Amino acid sequence: MNLSWIGRGGKHRADSAAHLRDENARLVRQLVGAAQTVKGLESQLNTCRGARAEAEELVVALAADLDERTAQLTAATDEANSLRAKLAAIRSSDDTQPITVTTLRQRFGPAAA
């Protein structure tokens, strides 16, 4: 184990003490910087959590809207199918009756001169 910083000379101890003070000051600055970084990251995390909560609310609202519109589409499709069936019935009954085509002259006679 090398304990060269522990010496018996006064200058060597003073150098060691100065080195330790410098190292301590550097570590304190690093700690303060780390604390500021953590504080900034916590703020960003809170912002992200708020945005996530808003996004989740939006997803829930959009899902409800989608469900409502899907129900409306189903109802409209059912109604369209019903109307198609009615129209098909009307067309089939029209096809069974003969259509008489006459000209205006045949219908109302010759024009009075």
PDB file of N, CA and C in Angstrom:
ATOM      1  N   MET A   1       0.848  -1.164   0.000  1.00  0.00           N
ATOM      2  CA  MET A   1       0.000   0.000   0.000  1.00  0.00           C
ATOM      3  C   MET A   1       0.898   1.233   0.000  1.00  0.00           C
ATOM      4  N   ASN A   2       0.597   2.134  -0.882  1.00  0.00           N
ATOM      5  CA  ASN A   2       1.415   3.344  -1.000  1.00  0.00           C
ATOM      6  C   ASN A   2       0.739   4.477  -0.260  1.00  0.00           C
ATOM      7  N   LEU A   3       1.347   4.945   0.791  1.00  0.00           N
ATOM      8  CA  LEU A   3       0.826   6.064   1.576  1.00  0.00           C
ATOM      9  C   LEU A   3       1.772   7.246   1.454  1.00  0.00           C
ATOM     10  N   SER A   4       2.140   7.539   0.226  1.00  0.00           N
ATOM     11  CA  SER A   4       3.133   8.591   0.027  1.00  0.00           C
ATOM     12  C   SER A   4       2.610   9.963   0.439  1.00  0.00           C
ATOM     13  N   TRP A   5       1.336  10.155   0.472  1.00  0.00           N
ATOM     14  CA  TRP A   5       0.824  11.465   0.873  1.00  0.00           C
ATOM     15  C   TRP A   5       0.925  11.675   2.369  1.00  0.00           C
ATOM     16  N   ILE A   6       1.057  10.569   3.112  1.00  0.00           N
ATOM     17  CA  ILE A   6       1.260  10.701   4.561  1.00  0.00           C
ATOM     18  C   ILE A   6       2.771  10.808   4.770  1.00  0.00           C
ATOM     19  N   GLY A   7       3.177  11.975   5.050  1.00  0.00           N
ATOM     20  CA  GLY A   7       4.616  12.171   5.236  1.00  0.00           C
ATOM     21  C   GLY A   7       4.909  12.819   6.568  1.00  0.00           C
ATOM     22  N   ARG A   8       6.168  12.902   6.837  1.00  0.00           N
ATOM     23  CA  ARG A   8       6.557  13.506   8.094  1.00  0.00           C
ATOM     24  C   ARG A   8       6.939  14.955   7.915  1.00  0.00           C
ATOM     25  N   GLY A   9       7.146  15.358   6.685  1.00  0.00           N
ATOM     26  CA  GLY A   9       7.558  16.730   6.464  1.00  0.00           C
ATOM     27  C   GLY A   9       6.375  17.665   6.437  1.00  0.00           C
ATOM     28  N   GLY A  10       6.538  18.893   6.912  1.00  0.00           N
ATOM     29  CA  GLY A  10       5.471  19.884   6.971  1.00  0.00           C
ATOM     30  C   GLY A  10       4.977  20.289   5.589  1.00  0.00           C
ATOM     31  N   LYS A  11       5.915  20.486   4.648  1.00  0.00           N
ATOM     32  CA  LYS A  11       5.516  20.902   3.297  1.00  0.00           C
ATOM     33  C   LYS A  11       4.710  19.802   2.635  1.00  0.00           C
ATOM     34  N   HIS A  12       5.142  18.579   2.869  1.00  0.00           N
ATOM     35  CA  HIS A  12       4.437  17.475   2.247  1.00  0.00           C
ATOM     36  C   HIS A  12       3.018  17.362   2.802  1.00  0.00           C
ATOM     37  N   ARG A  13       2.846  17.567   4.122  1.00  0.00           N
ATOM     38  CA  ARG A  13       1.510  17.562   4.727  1.00  0.00           C
ATOM     39  C   ARG A  13       0.675  18.715   4.215  1.00  0.00           C
ATOM     40  N   ALA A  14       1.263  19.862   4.047  1.00  0.00           N
ATOM     41  CA  ALA A  14       0.532  21.027   3.544  1.00  0.00           C
ATOM     42  C   ALA A  14       0.075  20.776   2.111  1.00  0.00           C
ATOM     43  N   ASP A  15       0.951  20.158   1.323  1.00  0.00           N
ATOM     44  CA  ASP A  15       0.573  19.822  -0.054  1.00  0.00           C
ATOM     45  C   ASP A  15      -0.569  18.813  -0.057  1.00  0.00           C
ATOM     46  N   SER A  16      -0.486  17.849   0.831  1.00  0.00           N
ATOM     47  CA  SER A  16      -1.538  16.832   0.919  1.00  0.00           C
ATOM     48  C   SER A  16      -2.848  17.459   1.365  1.00  0.00           C
ATOM     49  N   ALA A  17      -2.795  18.341   2.353  1.00  0.00           N
ATOM     50  CA  ALA A  17      -3.994  19.012   2.840  1.00  0.00           C
ATOM     51  C   ALA A  17      -4.597  19.879   1.740  1.00  0.00           C
ATOM     52  N   ALA A  18      -3.772  20.574   0.984  1.00  0.00           N
ATOM     53  CA  ALA A  18      -4.259  21.406  -0.118  1.00  0.00           C
ATOM     54  C   ALA A  18      -4.893  20.526  -1.189  1.00  0.00           C
ATOM     55  N   HIS A  19      -4.263  19.404  -1.467  1.00  0.00           N
ATOM     56  CA  HIS A  19      -4.808  18.478  -2.453  1.00  0.00           C
ATOM     57  C   HIS A  19      -6.164  17.958  -2.002  1.00  0.00           C
ATOM     58  N   LEU A  20      -6.288  17.607  -0.728  1.00  0.00           N
ATOM     59  CA  LEU A  20      -7.561  17.116  -0.200  1.00  0.00           C
ATOM     60  C   LEU A  20      -8.636  18.199  -0.221  1.00  0.00           C
ATOM     61  N   ARG A  21      -8.252  19.442   0.094  1.00  0.00           N
ATOM     62  CA  ARG A  21      -9.224  20.547   0.020  1.00  0.00           C
ATOM     63  C   ARG A  21      -9.699  20.740  -1.418  1.00  0.00           C
ATOM     64  N   ASP A  22      -8.773  20.696  -2.362  1.00  0.00           N
ATOM     65  CA  ASP A  22      -9.139  20.838  -3.775  1.00  0.00           C
ATOM     66  C   ASP A  22     -10.068  19.708  -4.218  1.00  0.00           C
ATOM     67  N   GLU A  23      -9.708  18.490  -3.792  1.00  0.00           N
ATOM     68  CA  GLU A  23     -10.540  17.330  -4.153  1.00  0.00           C
ATOM     69  C   GLU A  23     -11.920  17.446  -3.527  1.00  0.00           C
ATOM     70  N   ASN A  24     -11.973  17.890  -2.285  1.00  0.00           N
ATOM     71  CA  ASN A  24     -13.243  18.079  -1.596  1.00  0.00           C
ATOM     72  C   ASN A  24     -14.088  19.134  -2.317  1.00  0.00           C
ATOM     73  N   ALA A  25     -13.468  20.251  -2.692  1.00  0.00           N
ATOM     74  CA  ALA A  25     -14.192  21.306  -3.402  1.00  0.00           C
ATOM     75  C   ALA A  25     -14.715  20.790  -4.745  1.00  0.00           C
ATOM     76  N   ARG A  26     -13.905  20.001  -5.458  1.00  0.00           N
ATOM     77  CA  ARG A  26     -14.323  19.439  -6.740  1.00  0.00           C
ATOM     78  C   ARG A  26     -15.516  18.503  -6.556  1.00  0.00           C
ATOM     79  N   LEU A  27     -15.464  17.679  -5.509  1.00  0.00           N
ATOM     80  CA  LEU A  27     -16.555  16.744  -5.251  1.00  0.00           C
ATOM     81  C   LEU A  27     -17.834  17.470  -4.848  1.00  0.00           C
ATOM     82  N   VAL A  28     -17.689  18.548  -4.070  1.00  0.00           N
ATOM     83  CA  VAL A  28     -18.870  19.341  -3.693  1.00  0.00           C
ATOM     84  C   VAL A  28     -19.502  19.958  -4.938  1.00  0.00           C
ATOM     85  N   ARG A  29     -18.661  20.501  -5.842  1.00  0.00           N
ATOM     86  CA  ARG A  29     -19.191  21.073  -7.087  1.00  0.00           C
ATOM     87  C   ARG A  29     -19.891  19.990  -7.917  1.00  0.00           C
ATOM     88  N   GLN A  30     -19.288  18.826  -7.947  1.00  0.00           N
ATOM     89  CA  GLN A  30     -19.874  17.727  -8.698  1.00  0.00           C
ATOM     90  C   GLN A  30     -21.209  17.309  -8.078  1.00  0.00           C
ATOM     91  N   LEU A  31     -21.267  17.296  -6.756  1.00  0.00           N
ATOM     92  CA  LEU A  31     -22.508  16.948  -6.064  1.00  0.00           C
ATOM     93  C   LEU A  31     -23.593  17.977  -6.345  1.00  0.00           C
ATOM     94  N   VAL A  32     -23.240  19.251  -6.297  1.00  0.00           N
ATOM     95  CA  VAL A  32     -24.210  20.317  -6.587  1.00  0.00           C
ATOM     96  C   VAL A  32     -24.704  20.187  -8.023  1.00  0.00           C
ATOM     97  N   GLY A  33     -23.789  19.947  -8.946  1.00  0.00           N
ATOM     98  CA  GLY A  33     -24.173  19.768 -10.343  1.00  0.00           C
ATOM     99  C   GLY A  33     -25.089  18.570 -10.530  1.00  0.00           C
ATOM    100  N   ALA A  34     -24.782  17.484  -9.830  1.00  0.00           N
ATOM    101  CA  ALA A  34     -25.613  16.283  -9.919  1.00  0.00           C
ATOM    102  C   ALA A  34     -27.003  16.563  -9.355  1.00  0.00           C
ATOM    103  N   ALA A  35     -27.069  17.290  -8.257  1.00  0.00           N
ATOM    104  CA  ALA A  35     -28.365  17.630  -7.657  1.00  0.00           C
ATOM    105  C   ALA A  35     -29.194  18.473  -8.626  1.00  0.00           C
ATOM    106  N   GLN A  36     -28.550  19.438  -9.291  1.00  0.00           N
ATOM    107  CA  GLN A  36     -29.262  20.264 -10.266  1.00  0.00           C
ATOM    108  C   GLN A  36     -29.741  19.419 -11.451  1.00  0.00           C
ATOM    109  N   THR A  37     -28.899  18.484 -11.875  1.00  0.00           N
ATOM    110  CA  THR A  37     -29.290  17.597 -12.975  1.00  0.00           C
ATOM    111  C   THR A  37     -30.484  16.735 -12.579  1.00  0.00           C
ATOM    112  N   VAL A  38     -30.431  16.189 -11.368  1.00  0.00           N
ATOM    113  CA  VAL A  38     -31.541  15.369 -10.882  1.00  0.00           C
ATOM    114  C   VAL A  38     -32.817  16.207 -10.802  1.00  0.00           C
ATOM    115  N   LYS A  39     -32.700  17.424 -10.309  1.00  0.00           N
ATOM    116  CA  LYS A  39     -33.872  18.298 -10.213  1.00  0.00           C
ATOM    117  C   LYS A  39     -34.460  18.558 -11.603  1.00  0.00           C
ATOM    118  N   GLY A  40     -33.609  18.826 -12.570  1.00  0.00           N
ATOM    119  CA  GLY A  40     -34.078  19.045 -13.940  1.00  0.00           C
ATOM    120  C   GLY A  40     -34.731  17.800 -14.518  1.00  0.00           C
ATOM    121  N   LEU A  41     -34.131  16.640 -14.259  1.00  0.00           N
ATOM    122  CA  LEU A  41     -34.704  15.393 -14.758  1.00  0.00           C
ATOM    123  C   LEU A  41     -36.043  15.076 -14.101  1.00  0.00           C
ATOM    124  N   GLU A  42     -36.156  15.384 -12.803  1.00  0.00           N
ATOM    125  CA  GLU A  42     -37.433  15.183 -12.121  1.00  0.00           C
ATOM    126  C   GLU A  42     -38.510  16.084 -12.700  1.00  0.00           C
ATOM    127  N   SER A  43     -38.149  17.305 -13.037  1.00  0.00           N
ATOM    128  CA  SER A  43     -39.093  18.226 -13.664  1.00  0.00           C
ATOM    129  C   SER A  43     -39.544  17.698 -15.017  1.00  0.00           C
ATOM    130  N   GLN A  44     -38.593  17.192 -15.801  1.00  0.00           N
ATOM    131  CA  GLN A  44     -38.943  16.615 -17.102  1.00  0.00           C
ATOM    132  C   GLN A  44     -39.830  15.384 -16.932  1.00  0.00           C
ATOM    133  N   LEU A  45     -39.544  14.576 -15.924  1.00  0.00           N
ATOM    134  CA  LEU A  45     -40.351  13.390 -15.657  1.00  0.00           C
ATOM    135  C   LEU A  45     -41.783  13.781 -15.312  1.00  0.00           C
ATOM    136  N   ASN A  46     -41.936  14.811 -14.472  1.00  0.00           N
ATOM    137  CA  ASN A  46     -43.276  15.282 -14.118  1.00  0.00           C
ATOM    138  C   ASN A  46     -44.022  15.802 -15.348  1.00  0.00           C
ATOM    139  N   THR A  47     -43.298  16.511 -16.213  1.00  0.00           N
ATOM    140  CA  THR A  47     -43.905  17.003 -17.451  1.00  0.00           C
ATOM    141  C   THR A  47     -44.353  15.834 -18.317  1.00  0.00           C
ATOM    142  N   CYS A  48     -43.499  14.822 -18.421  1.00  0.00           N
ATOM    143  CA  CYS A  48     -43.837  13.633 -19.217  1.00  0.00           C
ATOM    144  C   CYS A  48     -45.036  12.895 -18.620  1.00  0.00           C
ATOM    145  N   ARG A  49     -45.070  12.803 -17.311  1.00  0.00           N
ATOM    146  CA  ARG A  49     -46.213  12.129 -16.664  1.00  0.00           C
ATOM    147  C   ARG A  49     -47.509  12.887 -16.937  1.00  0.00           C
ATOM    148  N   GLY A  50     -47.436  14.211 -16.900  1.00  0.00           N
ATOM    149  CA  GLY A  50     -48.627  15.010 -17.213  1.00  0.00           C
ATOM    150  C   GLY A  50     -49.066  14.811 -18.652  1.00  0.00           C
ATOM    151  N   ALA A  51     -48.113  14.801 -19.573  1.00  0.00           N
ATOM    152  CA  ALA A  51     -48.436  14.584 -20.986  1.00  0.00           C
ATOM    153  C   ALA A  51     -49.014  13.187 -21.188  1.00  0.00           C
ATOM    154  N   ARG A  52     -48.462  12.215 -20.471  1.00  0.00           N
ATOM    155  CA  ARG A  52     -48.973  10.848 -20.582  1.00  0.00           C
ATOM    156  C   ARG A  52     -50.410  10.772 -20.083  1.00  0.00           C
ATOM    157  N   ALA A  53     -50.702  11.437 -18.977  1.00  0.00           N
ATOM    158  CA  ALA A  53     -52.062  11.430 -18.438  1.00  0.00           C
ATOM    159  C   ALA A  53     -53.032  12.064 -19.440  1.00  0.00           C
ATOM    160  N   GLU A  54     -52.617  13.171 -20.048  1.00  0.00           N
ATOM    161  CA  GLU A  54     -53.455  13.810 -21.062  1.00  0.00           C
ATOM    162  C   GLU A  54     -53.672  12.877 -22.250  1.00  0.00           C
ATOM    163  N   ALA A  55     -52.616  12.192 -22.669  1.00  0.00           N
ATOM    164  CA  ALA A  55     -52.722  11.266 -23.804  1.00  0.00           C
ATOM    165  C   ALA A  55     -53.660  10.109 -23.469  1.00  0.00           C
ATOM    166  N   GLU A  56     -53.568   9.609 -22.242  1.00  0.00           N
ATOM    167  CA  GLU A  56     -54.454   8.514 -21.832  1.00  0.00           C
ATOM    168  C   GLU A  56     -55.908   8.972 -21.826  1.00  0.00           C
ATOM    169  N   GLU A  57     -56.164  10.194 -21.366  1.00  0.00           N
ATOM    170  CA  GLU A  57     -57.527  10.733 -21.388  1.00  0.00           C
ATOM    171  C   GLU A  57     -58.020  10.858 -22.830  1.00  0.00           C
ATOM    172  N   LEU A  58     -57.150  11.303 -23.709  1.00  0.00           N
ATOM    173  CA  LEU A  58     -57.520  11.437 -25.113  1.00  0.00           C
ATOM    174  C   LEU A  58     -57.830  10.070 -25.723  1.00  0.00           C
ATOM    175  N   VAL A  59     -57.038   9.065 -25.391  1.00  0.00           N
ATOM    176  CA  VAL A  59     -57.282   7.722 -25.909  1.00  0.00           C
ATOM    177  C   VAL A  59     -58.632   7.202 -25.436  1.00  0.00           C
ATOM    178  N   VAL A  60     -58.949   7.423 -24.170  1.00  0.00           N
ATOM    179  CA  VAL A  60     -60.238   6.978 -23.629  1.00  0.00           C
ATOM    180  C   VAL A  60     -61.379   7.689 -24.357  1.00  0.00           C
ATOM    181  N   ALA A  61     -61.242   8.998 -24.562  1.00  0.00           N
ATOM    182  CA  ALA A  61     -62.287   9.754 -25.261  1.00  0.00           C
ATOM    183  C   ALA A  61     -62.428   9.283 -26.709  1.00  0.00           C
ATOM    184  N   LEU A  62     -61.304   9.046 -27.373  1.00  0.00           N
ATOM    185  CA  LEU A  62     -61.358   8.578 -28.763  1.00  0.00           C
ATOM    186  C   LEU A  62     -61.958   7.180 -28.851  1.00  0.00           C
ATOM    187  N   ALA A  63     -61.661   6.333 -27.888  1.00  0.00           N
ATOM    188  CA  ALA A  63     -62.231   4.980 -27.877  1.00  0.00           C
ATOM    189  C   ALA A  63     -63.745   5.045 -27.699  1.00  0.00           C
ATOM    190  N   ALA A  64     -64.205   5.929 -26.811  1.00  0.00           N
ATOM    191  CA  ALA A  64     -65.647   6.093 -26.610  1.00  0.00           C
ATOM    192  C   ALA A  64     -66.302   6.629 -27.880  1.00  0.00           C
ATOM    193  N   ASP A  65     -65.652   7.587 -28.519  1.00  0.00           N
ATOM    194  CA  ASP A  65     -66.177   8.146 -29.769  1.00  0.00           C
ATOM    195  C   ASP A  65     -66.224   7.071 -30.848  1.00  0.00           C
ATOM    196  N   LEU A  66     -65.187   6.255 -30.919  1.00  0.00           N
ATOM    197  CA  LEU A  66     -65.149   5.176 -31.903  1.00  0.00           C
ATOM    198  C   LEU A  66     -66.276   4.182 -31.655  1.00  0.00           C
ATOM    199  N   ASP A  67     -66.500   3.835 -30.396  1.00  0.00           N
ATOM    200  CA  ASP A  67     -67.592   2.915 -30.060  1.00  0.00           C
ATOM    201  C   ASP A  67     -68.935   3.498 -30.487  1.00  0.00           C
ATOM    202  N   GLU A  68     -69.136   4.787 -30.208  1.00  0.00           N
ATOM    203  CA  GLU A  68     -70.395   5.445 -30.568  1.00  0.00           C
ATOM    204  C   GLU A  68     -70.575   5.461 -32.083  1.00  0.00           C
ATOM    205  N   ARG A  69     -69.525   5.816 -32.794  1.00  0.00           N
ATOM    206  CA  ARG A  69     -69.623   5.868 -34.259  1.00  0.00           C
ATOM    207  C   ARG A  69     -69.788   4.473 -34.861  1.00  0.00           C
ATOM    208  N   THR A  70     -69.195   3.472 -34.244  1.00  0.00           N
ATOM    209  CA  THR A  70     -69.370   2.100 -34.719  1.00  0.00           C
ATOM    210  C   THR A  70     -70.826   1.673 -34.547  1.00  0.00           C
ATOM    211  N   ALA A  71     -71.423   2.038 -33.415  1.00  0.00           N
ATOM    212  CA  ALA A  71     -72.837   1.735 -33.190  1.00  0.00           C
ATOM    213  C   ALA A  71     -73.710   2.461 -34.220  1.00  0.00           C
ATOM    214  N   GLN A  72     -73.387   3.726 -34.510  1.00  0.00           N
ATOM    215  CA  GLN A  72     -74.137   4.479 -35.516  1.00  0.00           C
ATOM    216  C   GLN A  72     -73.993   3.827 -36.891  1.00  0.00           C
ATOM    217  N   LEU A  73     -72.782   3.393 -37.226  1.00  0.00           N
ATOM    218  CA  LEU A  73     -72.552   2.736 -38.513  1.00  0.00           C
ATOM    219  C   LEU A  73     -73.344   1.439 -38.604  1.00  0.00           C
ATOM    220  N   THR A  74     -73.356   0.673 -37.526  1.00  0.00           N
ATOM    221  CA  THR A  74     -74.118  -0.573 -37.514  1.00  0.00           C
ATOM    222  C   THR A  74     -75.605  -0.296 -37.722  1.00  0.00           C
ATOM    223  N   ALA A  75     -76.117   0.705 -37.025  1.00  0.00           N
ATOM    224  CA  ALA A  75     -77.538   1.065 -37.176  1.00  0.00           C
ATOM    225  C   ALA A  75     -77.829   1.531 -38.598  1.00  0.00           C
ATOM    226  N   ALA A  76     -76.951   2.356 -39.163  1.00  0.00           N
ATOM    227  CA  ALA A  76     -77.153   2.847 -40.525  1.00  0.00           C
ATOM    228  C   ALA A  76     -77.069   1.702 -41.531  1.00  0.00           C
ATOM    229  N   THR A  77     -76.162   0.767 -41.318  1.00  0.00           N
ATOM    230  CA  THR A  77     -76.043  -0.388 -42.206  1.00  0.00           C
ATOM    231  C   THR A  77     -77.291  -1.259 -42.132  1.00  0.00           C
ATOM    232  N   ASP A  78     -77.794  -1.463 -40.924  1.00  0.00           N
ATOM    233  CA  ASP A  78     -79.026  -2.241 -40.755  1.00  0.00           C
ATOM    234  C   ASP A  78     -80.193  -1.556 -41.471  1.00  0.00           C
ATOM    235  N   GLU A  79     -80.289  -0.233 -41.319  1.00  0.00           N
ATOM    236  CA  GLU A  79     -81.364   0.514 -41.972  1.00  0.00           C
ATOM    237  C   GLU A  79     -81.221   0.452 -43.496  1.00  0.00           C
ATOM    238  N   ALA A  80     -79.998   0.573 -44.001  1.00  0.00           N
ATOM    239  CA  ALA A  80     -79.772   0.491 -45.449  1.00  0.00           C
ATOM    240  C   ALA A  80     -80.156  -0.889 -45.977  1.00  0.00           C
ATOM    241  N   ASN A  81     -79.814  -1.924 -45.242  1.00  0.00           N
ATOM    242  CA  ASN A  81     -80.190  -3.281 -45.660  1.00  0.00           C
ATOM    243  C   ASN A  81     -81.702  -3.459 -45.666  1.00  0.00           C
ATOM    244  N   SER A  82     -82.362  -2.897 -44.666  1.00  0.00           N
ATOM    245  CA  SER A  82     -83.825  -2.962 -44.609  1.00  0.00           C
ATOM    246  C   SER A  82     -84.445  -2.234 -45.799  1.00  0.00           C
ATOM    247  N   LEU A  83     -83.935  -1.046 -46.103  1.00  0.00           N
ATOM    248  CA  LEU A  83     -84.461  -0.279 -47.236  1.00  0.00           C
ATOM    249  C   LEU A  83     -84.183  -0.988 -48.562  1.00  0.00           C
ATOM    250  N   ARG A  84     -83.031  -1.635 -48.673  1.00  0.00           N
ATOM    251  CA  ARG A  84     -82.723  -2.406 -49.891  1.00  0.00           C
ATOM    252  C   ARG A  84     -83.733  -3.542 -50.073  1.00  0.00           C
ATOM    253  N   ALA A  85     -84.047  -4.200 -48.954  1.00  0.00           N
ATOM    254  CA  ALA A  85     -85.015  -5.294 -49.019  1.00  0.00           C
ATOM    255  C   ALA A  85     -86.389  -4.769 -49.444  1.00  0.00           C
ATOM    256  N   LYS A  86     -86.796  -3.624 -48.899  1.00  0.00           N
ATOM    257  CA  LYS A  86     -88.086  -3.025 -49.281  1.00  0.00           C
ATOM    258  C   LYS A  86     -88.075  -2.621 -50.755  1.00  0.00           C
ATOM    259  N   LEU A  87     -86.981  -2.041 -51.197  1.00  0.00           N
ATOM    260  CA  LEU A  87     -86.862  -1.624 -52.589  1.00  0.00           C
ATOM    261  C   LEU A  87     -86.904  -2.835 -53.512  1.00  0.00           C
ATOM    262  N   ALA A  88     -86.241  -3.895 -53.120  1.00  0.00           N
ATOM    263  CA  ALA A  88     -86.263  -5.113 -53.938  1.00  0.00           C
ATOM    264  C   ALA A  88     -87.684  -5.654 -54.042  1.00  0.00           C
ATOM    265  N   ALA A  89     -88.434  -5.588 -52.941  1.00  0.00           N
ATOM    266  CA  ALA A  89     -89.826  -6.050 -52.963  1.00  0.00           C
ATOM    267  C   ALA A  89     -90.670  -5.168 -53.883  1.00  0.00           C
ATOM    268  N   ILE A  90     -90.450  -3.868 -53.827  1.00  0.00           N
ATOM    269  CA  ILE A  90     -91.199  -2.938 -54.692  1.00  0.00           C
ATOM    270  C   ILE A  90     -90.842  -3.186 -56.148  1.00  0.00           C
ATOM    271  N   ARG A  91     -89.592  -3.344 -56.445  1.00  0.00           N
ATOM    272  CA  ARG A  91     -89.168  -3.590 -57.830  1.00  0.00           C
ATOM    273  C   ARG A  91     -89.737  -4.908 -58.353  1.00  0.00           C
ATOM    274  N   SER A  92     -89.735  -5.910 -57.518  1.00  0.00           N
ATOM    275  CA  SER A  92     -90.243  -7.203 -57.992  1.00  0.00           C
ATOM    276  C   SER A  92     -91.740  -7.133 -58.244  1.00  0.00           C
ATOM    277  N   SER A  93     -92.488  -6.357 -57.451  1.00  0.00           N
ATOM    278  CA  SER A  93     -93.925  -6.222 -57.699  1.00  0.00           C
ATOM    279  C   SER A  93     -94.182  -5.369 -58.932  1.00  0.00           C
ATOM    280  N   ASP A  94     -93.337  -4.392 -59.213  1.00  0.00           N
ATOM    281  CA  ASP A  94     -93.476  -3.574 -60.423  1.00  0.00           C
ATOM    282  C   ASP A  94     -93.177  -4.388 -61.675  1.00  0.00           C
ATOM    283  N   ASP A  95     -92.275  -5.311 -61.558  1.00  0.00           N
ATOM    284  CA  ASP A  95     -91.894  -6.115 -62.721  1.00  0.00           C
ATOM    285  C   ASP A  95     -93.004  -7.075 -63.129  1.00  0.00           C
ATOM    286  N   THR A  96     -93.869  -7.421 -62.226  1.00  0.00           N
ATOM    287  CA  THR A  96     -94.918  -8.394 -62.546  1.00  0.00           C
ATOM    288  C   THR A  96     -96.095  -7.750 -63.252  1.00  0.00           C
ATOM    289  N   GLN A  97     -96.243  -6.437 -63.192  1.00  0.00           N
ATOM    290  CA  GLN A  97     -97.365  -5.759 -63.851  1.00  0.00           C
ATOM    291  C   GLN A  97     -96.897  -5.229 -65.203  1.00  0.00           C
ATOM    292  N   PRO A  98     -97.720  -5.433 -66.219  1.00  0.00           N
ATOM    293  CA  PRO A  98     -97.321  -4.930 -67.532  1.00  0.00           C
ATOM    294  C   PRO A  98     -97.362  -3.407 -67.563  1.00  0.00           C
ATOM    295  N   ILE A  99     -96.470  -2.864 -68.314  1.00  0.00           N
ATOM    296  CA  ILE A  99     -96.408  -1.423 -68.469  1.00  0.00           C
ATOM    297  C   ILE A  99     -96.958  -1.090 -69.848  1.00  0.00           C
ATOM    298  N   THR A 100     -97.980  -0.231 -69.876  1.00  0.00           N
ATOM    299  CA  THR A 100     -98.589   0.166 -71.137  1.00  0.00           C
ATOM    300  C   THR A 100     -97.981   1.483 -71.565  1.00  0.00           C
ATOM    301  N   VAL A 101     -97.428   1.490 -72.757  1.00  0.00           N
ATOM    302  CA  VAL A 101     -96.812   2.695 -73.281  1.00  0.00           C
ATOM    303  C   VAL A 101     -97.683   3.179 -74.438  1.00  0.00           C
ATOM    304  N   THR A 102     -98.151   4.424 -74.327  1.00  0.00           N
ATOM    305  CA  THR A 102     -98.952   5.007 -75.413  1.00  0.00           C
ATOM    306  C   THR A 102     -98.383   6.363 -75.746  1.00  0.00           C
ATOM    307  N   THR A 103     -98.634   6.779 -76.954  1.00  0.00           N
ATOM    308  CA  THR A 103     -98.205   8.110 -77.335  1.00  0.00           C
ATOM    309  C   THR A 103     -99.245   9.105 -76.856  1.00  0.00           C
ATOM    310  N   LEU A 104     -98.935  10.360 -76.875  1.00  0.00           N
ATOM    311  CA  LEU A 104     -99.873  11.399 -76.466  1.00  0.00           C
ATOM    312  C   LEU A 104    -101.100  11.394 -77.383  1.00  0.00           C
ATOM    313  N   ARG A 105    -100.892  11.169 -78.673  1.00  0.00           N
ATOM    314  CA  ARG A 105    -102.000  11.156 -79.634  1.00  0.00           C
ATOM    315  C   ARG A 105    -102.947  10.000 -79.328  1.00  0.00           C
ATOM    316  N   GLN A 106    -102.358   8.859 -79.010  1.00  0.00           N
ATOM    317  CA  GLN A 106    -103.215   7.708 -78.662  1.00  0.00           C
ATOM    318  C   GLN A 106    -103.957   7.964 -77.363  1.00  0.00           C
ATOM    319  N   ARG A 107    -103.331   8.608 -76.461  1.00  0.00           N
ATOM    320  CA  ARG A 107    -103.923   8.838 -75.132  1.00  0.00           C
ATOM    321  C   ARG A 107    -105.002   9.906 -75.188  1.00  0.00           C
ATOM    322  N   PHE A 108    -104.720  11.035 -75.885  1.00  0.00           N
ATOM    323  CA  PHE A 108    -105.674  12.156 -75.867  1.00  0.00           C
ATOM    324  C   PHE A 108    -106.366  12.389 -77.194  1.00  0.00           C
ATOM    325  N   GLY A 109    -106.075  11.651 -78.191  1.00  0.00           N
ATOM    326  CA  GLY A 109    -106.727  11.805 -79.492  1.00  0.00           C
ATOM    327  C   GLY A 109    -106.032  12.866 -80.322  1.00  0.00           C
ATOM    328  N   PRO A 110    -106.570  13.059 -81.588  1.00  0.00           N
ATOM    329  CA  PRO A 110    -105.935  14.036 -82.461  1.00  0.00           C
ATOM    330  C   PRO A 110    -106.088  15.450 -81.930  1.00  0.00           C
ATOM    331  N   ALA A 111    -105.156  16.256 -82.250  1.00  0.00           N
ATOM    332  CA  ALA A 111    -105.200  17.659 -81.796  1.00  0.00           C
ATOM    333  C   ALA A 111    -106.283  18.392 -82.552  1.00  0.00           C
ATOM    334  N   ALA A 112    -106.994  19.229 -81.850  1.00  0.00           N
ATOM    335  CA  ALA A 112    -108.058  20.034 -82.498  1.00  0.00           C
ATOM    336  C   ALA A 112    -107.418  21.092 -83.355  1.00  0.00           C
ATOM    337  N   ALA A 113    -107.875  21.173 -84.596  1.00  0.00           N
ATOM    338  CA  ALA A 113    -107.282  22.138 -85.506  1.00  0.00           C
ATOM    339  C   ALA A 113    -108.105  23.374 -85.613  1.00  0.00           C
TER     340      ALA A 113
END
